[in-house]
Amino acid sequence: MIAQNLLSEVVPPLRLTDNGQKALNWMEIFRISHLPVVDGKRLVGLISDKIIYDLNIIDKPVGEYSDHLLSPHIHTNQHIYEVFNAISVLKLSAVPVLDLYDQYCGVITVFDLAQKFAELVAVQEPGGVIVLELNSIDYSLSQIAQIVEGNDAKILSFYISPEVESKRMTVTLKINVVDLSAIIQTFVRYDYNIIAVYMDDSVINEMYDDRLDQLFRFMNI
């Protein structure tokens, strides 16, 4: 997924003649704190509510303060991960997007990005989540996938989170089945450390009841 597919359908750019109050009004409507300022198809810069208040330009055209505008932008062919990086590192609520000829195409907001990310990680798809913790050197996606698929399931999405100042990592898996009990048992058999499981409560309760029944049968032997 690239930036071209993430453009907001509702957030317009400011013109050079628009004043700070108009910018603040639009920021309030669209629940963002940054807006692009354009001159035709040319991106002049990115204005924030902080700039408006710091320079006290409520009643003044934003174009008169172009030297104070922010300059970040991305291009239409950049990957969604690069968009995430720009917004995260620069702490933006919106980022302008330019085409390959550096002409303004639109803006991507945090809200747009969140919606697309939800699709990317299959948030709305039915299923469960397993979180594994392991040494980085032991990480093998092929083995993890083999364990899941060996239990007639599929990995819908996954992400890796390295632990700070450690050689360990966590791997979060979104799997397309609600009952993860068989997959959990296989991971345990392969000595994986499962630190969290998220699935339907009724399935979890049923799994615990089954284990309790097995324990009672063992004690009655």
Foldseek 3Di string as FASTA:
>chain_A
DWQLVLFDPPADAAEQADWPQVVVVSCVVVVFFKGWYAHQQATLAIDGNVNCVVVVGRPHGCNVVSVPHHHFAEERGHHLVVVVVVCVVVVGQKHWYAYPVNTTDHMGGPVSSVVVVCVQQVVVADFKKWKWKDFLVPDDPVVLQCLQVVVVKGFSHKDKADDPPDRMIMIMTTIRHQQCVSSVVSCVVVVIHTPDMGHDPVNVVVVVVVVVVVVVVVVVD
